[in-house]
Amino acid sequence: MRIVVDAMGGDNAPHEIVKGCLEALKTEGFEIELLGDRAKIEECLGPENIKNKRIIITETFDEITNSDKPTEAVRKKRNSAIVTGMKKIKDQSAQAFISAGSTGALLAGSLLIAGRMKGVVRPALAPVVPSIKGQTMIIDAGMNTQIKTINYVQFAIMGTEYMRNMFGIQEPRVGLVNVGTEEGKGNEALKQAFVELQKANINFIGNVEGRDITEGKVDIAVCDGFTGNAMLKIMEGTGKYFMDYLKKMYSGSIYGRISYLLIKHELKKLKKEIDPEEFGGTPILGVNGMIYKCHGNSSAKAIKNTILKACSSACTSVLNKMKVIFSSMEVGGLYDEAL
């Protein structure tokens, strides 16, 4: 199995990217192809790792930055890591592609190069976040800010297959993020989505509010990308605030430090549970391949966990199952209106 990694993408590239790859390689069963500046990559690898047979380096000369216009960059910078990685997904010479680089370029490349699955109207970013009862997927979390009814339905189907195959939840509970739990809430798009989700072959439990995600009332929270991205960032910020506050509280006095020693083990467990880097990158669902977007500020730990997650995904049949479902979706009605 080959996992392709953009070594130059992100604020901490290439050092943290390469470090994360080396940590991931402590697990057997795959090889890693690093894309980027060969000299810089080899410097990070060090002489002891350059000859590692499970590491391949493919040099790319173009660089896509966050200031580039995504679609234009993908079309013009053909020798960039993002474009090269997407091509390898398209020709199936790799089982997964991971990047902490430009989100816009990665999404544009997913559509223009890797391509959508047959029958999928719009792919989606689908991060999995912690909840009291385990984990919940938010879909979409930033790829589509304005969507139609069919998109809500397809997001729910994508999420169902992913959570079923990756987390072993046989009948994942799907909720529609709304301004209230009562039927009939929300704008016309949400009202129509509620009706169609009831008809879909999924375990739809109705409308949910933002707080229901961390309370574990659903396994999949379906929403538009604007709403999903805002919720995700608020959750990340709240988790950081909470941990920083606890650190300040327990280090502020001798009594606090003594108290910390008594509950240190439990606090470390809590930190691990709410740490976004433990969950790794976010899959882009609905495209022809396993593609993961990591946070731009990802550390080696986040990269390692994303690689291991990508390997697990590639070992399942989740991608093929999605392709079968969407290729058989009927043309007409909602699908026709979305095209």
Foldseek 3Di string as FASTA:
>chain_A
DEEEEACAAFPDHNQQLLLLQVVLVVDDDAAYEYEEAPVRSDVNCDPVRPPPPRYHYDYFDDEDAQPDQQLVCLVPRCRHSLNVQLQCLQVVVHFEYEHQHHPSNNLNSLPPRLRFQAQQLHWAWWAWAAAPVGIAIETHAADFQDDALVNLQLSQVLLQLCCCQQVVPVAFEEAEEFPDFDQPGDDPRSNVNQVVNVVDPHNYPGHDYLVCRRNVPGRYYGDGNVVNNVSVVVLLVVLVVVLVVLVCQLPVDPVSVVVCVVCVVVVVVVCCNRPSLLRAFIFTPRGSHTYTHGHSHHGSSNSSNNVVSSVSVSVTCSNVVSSVVSNPDDPDDPSVVSD
